[in-house]
Full PDB file with SEQRES, HELIX, SHEET, SSBOND, CRYST1, ORIGX, SCALE, CONECT and MASTER records, all heavy atoms in Angstrom:
SEQRES   1 A   31  GLY LYS PHE GLU PHE ASP ASN PHE THR LEU VAL LEU GLY          
SEQRES   2 A   31  LEU GLU ASP TYR ASN ALA VAL LEU ASN PHE LYS ARG SER          
SEQRES   3 A   31  LEU SER ASN ASN ASN                                          
HELIX    1 AA1 PHE A    5  LEU A   12  1                                   8    
HELIX    2 AA2 TYR A   17  SER A   28  1                                  12    
CRYST1    1.000    1.000    1.000  90.00  90.00  90.00 P 1           1          
ORIGX1      1.000000  0.000000  0.000000        0.00000                         
ORIGX2      0.000000  1.000000  0.000000        0.00000                         
ORIGX3      0.000000  0.000000  1.000000        0.00000                         
SCALE1      1.000000  0.000000  0.000000        0.00000                         
SCALE2      0.000000  1.000000  0.000000        0.00000                         
SCALE3      0.000000  0.000000  1.000000        0.00000                         
ATOM      1  N   GLY A   1      92.441  34.308 100.973  1.00  0.00           N  
ATOM      2  CA  GLY A   1      91.257  33.971 101.653  1.00  0.00           C  
ATOM      3  C   GLY A   1      90.934  32.446 101.860  1.00  0.00           C  
ATOM      4  O   GLY A   1      89.875  32.040 102.055  1.00  0.00           O  
ATOM      5  N   LYS A   2      91.955  31.678 101.570  1.00  0.00           N  
ATOM      6  CA  LYS A   2      91.735  30.193 101.613  1.00  0.00           C  
ATOM      7  C   LYS A   2      92.244  29.552 102.966  1.00  0.00           C  
ATOM      8  O   LYS A   2      91.996  28.380 103.165  1.00  0.00           O  
ATOM      9  CB  LYS A   2      92.629  29.581 100.571  1.00  0.00           C  
ATOM     10  CG  LYS A   2      92.359  30.194  99.062  1.00  0.00           C  
ATOM     11  CD  LYS A   2      90.953  29.934  98.718  1.00  0.00           C  
ATOM     12  CE  LYS A   2      90.776  30.538  97.283  1.00  0.00           C  
ATOM     13  NZ  LYS A   2      89.399  30.387  96.768  1.00  0.00           N  
ATOM     14  N   PHE A   3      92.876  30.308 103.878  1.00  0.00           N  
ATOM     15  CA  PHE A   3      93.444  29.761 105.127  1.00  0.00           C  
ATOM     16  C   PHE A   3      93.054  30.670 106.211  1.00  0.00           C  
ATOM     17  O   PHE A   3      93.290  31.859 106.184  1.00  0.00           O  
ATOM     18  CB  PHE A   3      94.976  29.630 104.909  1.00  0.00           C  
ATOM     19  CG  PHE A   3      95.654  28.708 105.848  1.00  0.00           C  
ATOM     20  CD1 PHE A   3      95.406  27.350 105.683  1.00  0.00           C  
ATOM     21  CD2 PHE A   3      96.497  29.167 106.804  1.00  0.00           C  
ATOM     22  CE1 PHE A   3      96.049  26.456 106.579  1.00  0.00           C  
ATOM     23  CE2 PHE A   3      97.143  28.254 107.666  1.00  0.00           C  
ATOM     24  CZ  PHE A   3      96.961  26.864 107.467  1.00  0.00           C  
ATOM     25  N   GLU A   4      92.407  30.137 107.221  1.00  0.00           N  
ATOM     26  CA  GLU A   4      91.971  30.926 108.384  1.00  0.00           C  
ATOM     27  C   GLU A   4      93.195  31.411 109.214  1.00  0.00           C  
ATOM     28  O   GLU A   4      94.167  30.722 109.433  1.00  0.00           O  
ATOM     29  CB  GLU A   4      91.000  30.132 109.253  1.00  0.00           C  
ATOM     30  CG  GLU A   4      89.643  29.844 108.559  1.00  0.00           C  
ATOM     31  CD  GLU A   4      88.734  29.068 109.505  1.00  0.00           C  
ATOM     32  OE1 GLU A   4      89.132  28.693 110.641  1.00  0.00           O  
ATOM     33  OE2 GLU A   4      87.603  28.830 109.166  1.00  0.00           O  
ATOM     34  N   PHE A   5      93.014  32.640 109.728  1.00  0.00           N  
ATOM     35  CA  PHE A   5      94.106  33.166 110.521  1.00  0.00           C  
ATOM     36  C   PHE A   5      94.416  32.453 111.785  1.00  0.00           C  
ATOM     37  O   PHE A   5      95.654  32.151 112.220  1.00  0.00           O  
ATOM     38  CB  PHE A   5      93.850  34.677 110.850  1.00  0.00           C  
ATOM     39  CG  PHE A   5      94.992  35.310 111.514  1.00  0.00           C  
ATOM     40  CD1 PHE A   5      96.117  35.763 110.737  1.00  0.00           C  
ATOM     41  CD2 PHE A   5      95.021  35.607 112.871  1.00  0.00           C  
ATOM     42  CE1 PHE A   5      97.216  36.430 111.406  1.00  0.00           C  
ATOM     43  CE2 PHE A   5      96.088  36.333 113.505  1.00  0.00           C  
ATOM     44  CZ  PHE A   5      97.172  36.603 112.758  1.00  0.00           C  
ATOM     45  N   ASP A   6      93.472  31.959 112.457  1.00  0.00           N  
ATOM     46  CA  ASP A   6      93.606  31.148 113.729  1.00  0.00           C  
ATOM     47  C   ASP A   6      94.438  29.937 113.471  1.00  0.00           C  
ATOM     48  O   ASP A   6      95.354  29.570 114.227  1.00  0.00           O  
ATOM     49  CB  ASP A   6      92.288  30.888 114.343  1.00  0.00           C  
ATOM     50  CG  ASP A   6      91.679  32.123 114.970  1.00  0.00           C  
ATOM     51  OD1 ASP A   6      92.349  33.145 115.120  1.00  0.00           O  
ATOM     52  OD2 ASP A   6      90.434  32.067 115.256  1.00  0.00           O  
ATOM     53  N   ASN A   7      93.993  29.144 112.461  1.00  0.00           N  
ATOM     54  CA  ASN A   7      94.776  27.983 112.093  1.00  0.00           C  
ATOM     55  C   ASN A   7      96.255  28.276 111.707  1.00  0.00           C  
ATOM     56  O   ASN A   7      97.113  27.539 112.015  1.00  0.00           O  
ATOM     57  CB  ASN A   7      94.047  27.239 110.969  1.00  0.00           C  
ATOM     58  CG  ASN A   7      94.607  25.811 110.716  1.00  0.00           C  
ATOM     59  OD1 ASN A   7      94.389  25.271 109.646  1.00  0.00           O  
ATOM     60  ND2 ASN A   7      95.223  25.224 111.620  1.00  0.00           N  
ATOM     61  N   PHE A   8      96.347  29.358 110.985  1.00  0.00           N  
ATOM     62  CA  PHE A   8      97.631  29.826 110.542  1.00  0.00           C  
ATOM     63  C   PHE A   8      98.608  30.078 111.608  1.00  0.00           C  
ATOM     64  O   PHE A   8      99.753  29.718 111.728  1.00  0.00           O  
ATOM     65  CB  PHE A   8      97.515  31.127 109.641  1.00  0.00           C  
ATOM     66  CG  PHE A   8      98.712  31.558 108.906  1.00  0.00           C  
ATOM     67  CD1 PHE A   8      99.748  30.702 108.628  1.00  0.00           C  
ATOM     68  CD2 PHE A   8      98.764  32.869 108.479  1.00  0.00           C  
ATOM     69  CE1 PHE A   8     100.828  31.144 107.875  1.00  0.00           C  
ATOM     70  CE2 PHE A   8      99.841  33.365 107.763  1.00  0.00           C  
ATOM     71  CZ  PHE A   8     100.747  32.544 107.446  1.00  0.00           C  
ATOM     72  N   THR A   9      98.119  30.865 112.687  1.00  0.00           N  
ATOM     73  CA  THR A   9      99.012  31.149 113.853  1.00  0.00           C  
ATOM     74  C   THR A   9      99.315  29.982 114.656  1.00  0.00           C  
ATOM     75  O   THR A   9     100.470  29.860 115.159  1.00  0.00           O  
ATOM     76  CB  THR A   9      98.333  32.249 114.795  1.00  0.00           C  
ATOM     77  OG1 THR A   9      97.080  31.791 115.215  1.00  0.00           O  
ATOM     78  CG2 THR A   9      98.162  33.575 114.029  1.00  0.00           C  
ATOM     79  N   LEU A  10      98.364  28.969 114.727  1.00  0.00           N  
ATOM     80  CA  LEU A  10      98.654  27.770 115.406  1.00  0.00           C  
ATOM     81  C   LEU A  10      99.829  26.874 114.697  1.00  0.00           C  
ATOM     82  O   LEU A  10     100.690  26.379 115.353  1.00  0.00           O  
ATOM     83  CB  LEU A  10      97.357  26.855 115.529  1.00  0.00           C  
ATOM     84  CG  LEU A  10      96.348  27.390 116.505  1.00  0.00           C  
ATOM     85  CD1 LEU A  10      95.152  26.529 116.416  1.00  0.00           C  
ATOM     86  CD2 LEU A  10      96.974  27.442 117.957  1.00  0.00           C  
ATOM     87  N   VAL A  11      99.697  26.874 113.402  1.00  0.00           N  
ATOM     88  CA  VAL A  11     100.687  26.081 112.558  1.00  0.00           C  
ATOM     89  C   VAL A  11     102.062  26.775 112.791  1.00  0.00           C  
ATOM     90  O   VAL A  11     103.061  26.055 112.876  1.00  0.00           O  
ATOM     91  CB  VAL A  11     100.258  26.024 111.018  1.00  0.00           C  
ATOM     92  CG1 VAL A  11     101.428  25.502 110.288  1.00  0.00           C  
ATOM     93  CG2 VAL A  11      99.070  25.127 110.857  1.00  0.00           C  
ATOM     94  N   LEU A  12     102.129  28.053 112.853  1.00  0.00           N  
ATOM     95  CA  LEU A  12     103.395  28.714 113.060  1.00  0.00           C  
ATOM     96  C   LEU A  12     103.900  28.719 114.443  1.00  0.00           C  
ATOM     97  O   LEU A  12     104.926  29.177 114.723  1.00  0.00           O  
ATOM     98  CB  LEU A  12     103.296  30.152 112.520  1.00  0.00           C  
ATOM     99  CG  LEU A  12     103.066  30.295 110.949  1.00  0.00           C  
ATOM    100  CD1 LEU A  12     102.980  31.724 110.506  1.00  0.00           C  
ATOM    101  CD2 LEU A  12     104.100  29.549 110.240  1.00  0.00           C  
ATOM    102  N   GLY A  13     103.086  28.325 115.400  1.00  0.00           N  
ATOM    103  CA  GLY A  13     103.413  28.303 116.809  1.00  0.00           C  
ATOM    104  C   GLY A  13     103.285  29.608 117.544  1.00  0.00           C  
ATOM    105  O   GLY A  13     103.970  29.767 118.539  1.00  0.00           O  
ATOM    106  N   LEU A  14     102.548  30.509 116.945  1.00  0.00           N  
ATOM    107  CA  LEU A  14     102.329  31.794 117.608  1.00  0.00           C  
ATOM    108  C   LEU A  14     101.284  31.756 118.621  1.00  0.00           C  
ATOM    109  O   LEU A  14     100.040  31.661 118.290  1.00  0.00           O  
ATOM    110  CB  LEU A  14     102.069  32.887 116.528  1.00  0.00           C  
ATOM    111  CG  LEU A  14     103.046  33.103 115.376  1.00  0.00           C  
ATOM    112  CD1 LEU A  14     102.492  33.964 114.406  1.00  0.00           C  
ATOM    113  CD2 LEU A  14     104.395  33.555 115.985  1.00  0.00           C  
ATOM    114  N   GLU A  15     101.615  31.734 119.850  1.00  0.00           N  
ATOM    115  CA  GLU A  15     100.578  31.625 121.010  1.00  0.00           C  
ATOM    116  C   GLU A  15     100.481  32.954 121.755  1.00  0.00           C  
ATOM    117  O   GLU A  15      99.412  33.187 122.368  1.00  0.00           O  
ATOM    118  CB  GLU A  15     100.987  30.461 121.869  1.00  0.00           C  
ATOM    119  CG  GLU A  15     101.038  29.181 121.157  1.00  0.00           C  
ATOM    120  CD  GLU A  15     101.456  27.963 121.943  1.00  0.00           C  
ATOM    121  OE1 GLU A  15     101.825  28.255 123.117  1.00  0.00           O  
ATOM    122  OE2 GLU A  15     101.512  26.891 121.495  1.00  0.00           O  
ATOM    123  N   ASP A  16     101.494  33.673 121.840  1.00  0.00           N  
ATOM    124  CA  ASP A  16     101.554  34.925 122.575  1.00  0.00           C  
ATOM    125  C   ASP A  16     100.735  36.003 121.892  1.00  0.00           C  
ATOM    126  O   ASP A  16     100.870  36.170 120.756  1.00  0.00           O  
ATOM    127  CB  ASP A  16     102.987  35.408 122.834  1.00  0.00           C  
ATOM    128  CG  ASP A  16     103.065  36.706 123.534  1.00  0.00           C  
ATOM    129  OD1 ASP A  16     102.657  36.768 124.720  1.00  0.00           O  
ATOM    130  OD2 ASP A  16     103.505  37.687 122.965  1.00  0.00           O  
ATOM    131  N   TYR A  17      99.870  36.626 122.637  1.00  0.00           N  
ATOM    132  CA  TYR A  17      98.957  37.638 122.017  1.00  0.00           C  
ATOM    133  C   TYR A  17      99.726  38.732 121.157  1.00  0.00           C  
ATOM    134  O   TYR A  17      99.336  39.010 120.168  1.00  0.00           O  
ATOM    135  CB  TYR A  17      98.110  38.284 123.073  1.00  0.00           C  
ATOM    136  CG  TYR A  17      97.254  39.415 122.558  1.00  0.00           C  
ATOM    137  CD1 TYR A  17      96.083  39.111 121.912  1.00  0.00           C  
ATOM    138  CD2 TYR A  17      97.531  40.752 122.751  1.00  0.00           C  
ATOM    139  CE1 TYR A  17      95.242  40.096 121.391  1.00  0.00           C  
ATOM    140  CE2 TYR A  17      96.722  41.725 122.265  1.00  0.00           C  
ATOM    141  CZ  TYR A  17      95.545  41.433 121.562  1.00  0.00           C  
ATOM    142  OH  TYR A  17      94.730  42.331 121.055  1.00  0.00           O  
ATOM    143  N   ASN A  18     100.844  39.299 121.868  1.00  0.00           N  
ATOM    144  CA  ASN A  18     101.610  40.248 121.161  1.00  0.00           C  
ATOM    145  C   ASN A  18     102.306  39.707 119.866  1.00  0.00           C  
ATOM    146  O   ASN A  18     102.313  40.356 118.815  1.00  0.00           O  
ATOM    147  CB  ASN A  18     102.662  40.845 122.133  1.00  0.00           C  
ATOM    148  CG  ASN A  18     102.020  41.752 123.172  1.00  0.00           C  
ATOM    149  OD1 ASN A  18     101.058  42.445 122.936  1.00  0.00           O  
ATOM    150  ND2 ASN A  18     102.686  41.680 124.316  1.00  0.00           N  
ATOM    151  N   ALA A  19     102.739  38.538 119.879  1.00  0.00           N  
ATOM    152  CA  ALA A  19     103.294  37.786 118.729  1.00  0.00           C  
ATOM    153  C   ALA A  19     102.289  37.721 117.605  1.00  0.00           C  
ATOM    154  O   ALA A  19     102.615  38.014 116.451  1.00  0.00           O  
ATOM    155  CB  ALA A  19     103.959  36.472 119.092  1.00  0.00           C  
ATOM    156  N   VAL A  20     101.181  37.365 117.933  1.00  0.00           N  
ATOM    157  CA  VAL A  20     100.040  37.235 117.035  1.00  0.00           C  
ATOM    158  C   VAL A  20      99.716  38.592 116.428  1.00  0.00           C  
ATOM    159  O   VAL A  20      99.539  38.666 115.123  1.00  0.00           O  
ATOM    160  CB  VAL A  20      98.819  36.534 117.571  1.00  0.00           C  
ATOM    161  CG1 VAL A  20      97.524  36.512 116.670  1.00  0.00           C  
ATOM    162  CG2 VAL A  20      99.155  35.083 117.923  1.00  0.00           C  
ATOM    163  N   LEU A  21      99.571  39.541 117.269  1.00  0.00           N  
ATOM    164  CA  LEU A  21      99.244  40.915 116.730  1.00  0.00           C  
ATOM    165  C   LEU A  21     100.291  41.457 115.861  1.00  0.00           C  
ATOM    166  O   LEU A  21      99.998  42.001 114.871  1.00  0.00           O  
ATOM    167  CB  LEU A  21      99.145  41.885 118.042  1.00  0.00           C  
ATOM    168  CG  LEU A  21      98.062  42.940 117.952  1.00  0.00           C  
ATOM    169  CD1 LEU A  21      96.719  42.438 117.502  1.00  0.00           C  
ATOM    170  CD2 LEU A  21      98.138  43.694 119.184  1.00  0.00           C  
ATOM    171  N   ASN A  22     101.621  41.307 116.174  1.00  0.00           N  
ATOM    172  CA  ASN A  22     102.771  41.748 115.418  1.00  0.00           C  
ATOM    173  C   ASN A  22     102.752  41.055 113.985  1.00  0.00           C  
ATOM    174  O   ASN A  22     102.980  41.603 112.979  1.00  0.00           O  
ATOM    175  CB  ASN A  22     104.040  41.649 116.157  1.00  0.00           C  
ATOM    176  CG  ASN A  22     104.160  42.587 117.293  1.00  0.00           C  
ATOM    177  OD1 ASN A  22     103.580  43.685 117.281  1.00  0.00           O  
ATOM    178  ND2 ASN A  22     105.051  42.220 118.143  1.00  0.00           N  
ATOM    179  N   PHE A  23     102.457  39.706 114.145  1.00  0.00           N  
ATOM    180  CA  PHE A  23     102.384  39.023 112.864  1.00  0.00           C  
ATOM    181  C   PHE A  23     101.343  39.441 111.934  1.00  0.00           C  
ATOM    182  O   PHE A  23     101.512  39.592 110.768  1.00  0.00           O  
ATOM    183  CB  PHE A  23     102.272  37.488 113.138  1.00  0.00           C  
ATOM    184  CG  PHE A  23     102.324  36.649 111.906  1.00  0.00           C  
ATOM    185  CD1 PHE A  23     103.481  36.509 111.139  1.00  0.00           C  
ATOM    186  CD2 PHE A  23     101.107  35.970 111.563  1.00  0.00           C  
ATOM    187  CE1 PHE A  23     103.462  35.697 109.956  1.00  0.00           C  
ATOM    188  CE2 PHE A  23     101.197  35.198 110.402  1.00  0.00           C  
ATOM    189  CZ  PHE A  23     102.317  35.100 109.531  1.00  0.00           C  
ATOM    190  N   LYS A  24     100.196  39.683 112.511  1.00  0.00           N  
ATOM    191  CA  LYS A  24      99.047  40.148 111.683  1.00  0.00           C  
ATOM    192  C   LYS A  24      99.367  41.584 111.106  1.00  0.00           C  
ATOM    193  O   LYS A  24      99.012  41.799 109.894  1.00  0.00           O  
ATOM    194  CB  LYS A  24      97.798  40.296 112.629  1.00  0.00           C  
ATOM    195  CG  LYS A  24      96.500  40.519 111.808  1.00  0.00           C  
ATOM    196  CD  LYS A  24      95.306  40.182 112.664  1.00  0.00           C  
ATOM    197  CE  LYS A  24      94.042  40.157 111.770  1.00  0.00           C  
ATOM    198  NZ  LYS A  24      92.933  39.748 112.509  1.00  0.00           N  
ATOM    199  N   ARG A  25      99.958  42.388 111.879  1.00  0.00           N  
ATOM    200  CA  ARG A  25     100.431  43.659 111.315  1.00  0.00           C  
ATOM    201  C   ARG A  25     101.406  43.579 110.149  1.00  0.00           C  
ATOM    202  O   ARG A  25     101.375  44.232 109.158  1.00  0.00           O  
ATOM    203  CB  ARG A  25     101.067  44.572 112.377  1.00  0.00           C  
ATOM    204  CG  ARG A  25     100.051  45.263 113.321  1.00  0.00           C  
ATOM    205  CD  ARG A  25     100.660  46.276 114.158  1.00  0.00           C  
ATOM    206  NE  ARG A  25      99.793  46.432 115.403  1.00  0.00           N  
ATOM    207  CZ  ARG A  25     100.178  46.202 116.650  1.00  0.00           C  
ATOM    208  NH1 ARG A  25     101.466  45.892 116.838  1.00  0.00           N  
ATOM    209  NH2 ARG A  25      99.421  46.302 117.630  1.00  0.00           N  
ATOM    210  N   SER A  26     102.339  42.571 110.378  1.00  0.00           N  
ATOM    211  CA  SER A  26     103.307  42.352 109.288  1.00  0.00           C  
ATOM    212  C   SER A  26     102.704  41.803 107.965  1.00  0.00           C  
ATOM    213  O   SER A  26     103.208  42.076 106.963  1.00  0.00           O  
ATOM    214  CB  SER A  26     104.412  41.384 109.783  1.00  0.00           C  
ATOM    215  OG  SER A  26     104.004  40.091 109.757  1.00  0.00           O  
ATOM    216  N   LEU A  27     101.658  41.070 108.054  1.00  0.00           N  
ATOM    217  CA  LEU A  27     100.921  40.639 106.948  1.00  0.00           C  
ATOM    218  C   LEU A  27     100.293  41.681 106.127  1.00  0.00           C  
ATOM    219  O   LEU A  27     100.100  41.579 104.862  1.00  0.00           O  
ATOM    220  CB  LEU A  27      99.858  39.580 107.308  1.00  0.00           C  
ATOM    221  CG  LEU A  27     100.352  38.199 107.780  1.00  0.00           C  
ATOM    222  CD1 LEU A  27      99.164  37.357 108.253  1.00  0.00           C  
ATOM    223  CD2 LEU A  27     101.105  37.515 106.676  1.00  0.00           C  
ATOM    224  N   SER A  28      99.859  42.793 106.797  1.00  0.00           N  
ATOM    225  CA  SER A  28      99.219  43.852 106.104  1.00  0.00           C  
ATOM    226  C   SER A  28     100.232  44.745 105.428  1.00  0.00           C  
ATOM    227  O   SER A  28      99.891  45.629 104.535  1.00  0.00           O  
ATOM    228  CB  SER A  28      98.374  44.641 107.071  1.00  0.00           C  
ATOM    229  OG  SER A  28      99.162  45.287 108.030  1.00  0.00           O  
ATOM    230  N   ASN A  29     101.497  44.662 105.769  1.00  0.00           N  
ATOM    231  CA  ASN A  29     102.535  45.397 105.033  1.00  0.00           C  
ATOM    232  C   ASN A  29     102.677  44.928 103.622  1.00  0.00           C  
ATOM    233  O   ASN A  29     102.402  43.755 103.346  1.00  0.00           O  
ATOM    234  CB  ASN A  29     103.858  45.286 105.730  1.00  0.00           C  
ATOM    235  CG  ASN A  29     103.887  45.913 107.074  1.00  0.00           C  
ATOM    236  OD1 ASN A  29     103.010  46.807 107.361  1.00  0.00           O  
ATOM    237  ND2 ASN A  29     104.983  45.538 107.927  1.00  0.00           N  
ATOM    238  N   ASN A  30     103.116  45.755 102.784  1.00  0.00           N  
ATOM    239  CA  ASN A  30     103.226  45.444 101.283  1.00  0.00           C  
ATOM    240  C   ASN A  30     104.522  44.608 101.112  1.00  0.00           C  
ATOM    241  O   ASN A  30     104.765  44.158  99.996  1.00  0.00           O  
ATOM    242  CB  ASN A  30     103.325  46.716 100.491  1.00  0.00           C  
ATOM    243  CG  ASN A  30     101.896  47.374 100.401  1.00  0.00           C  
ATOM    244  OD1 ASN A  30     100.868  46.722 100.528  1.00  0.00           O  
ATOM    245  ND2 ASN A  30     101.873  48.633 100.201  1.00  0.00           N  
ATOM    246  N   ASN A  31     105.321  44.454 102.108  1.00  0.00           N  
ATOM    247  CA  ASN A  31     106.555  43.744 101.983  1.00  0.00           C  
ATOM    248  C   ASN A  31     106.337  42.191 101.709  1.00  0.00           C  
ATOM    249  O   ASN A  31     107.213  41.507 101.165  1.00  0.00           O  
ATOM    250  CB  ASN A  31     107.430  43.828 103.062  1.00  0.00           C  
ATOM    251  CG  ASN A  31     107.834  45.282 103.407  1.00  0.00           C  
ATOM    252  OD1 ASN A  31     107.814  46.104 102.459  1.00  0.00           O  
ATOM    253  ND2 ASN A  31     108.318  45.617 104.533  1.00  0.00           N  
TER     254      ASN A  31                                                      
MASTER        0    0    0    2    0    0    0    6  253    1    0    3          
END                                                                             
């Protein structure tokens, strides 16, 4: 809870809506 998701996706270069959505889903995985 220390880093905002919007800033996180910008730092990683995720600009495409689908890429952001897939990344958010992957974060919720226990892996």
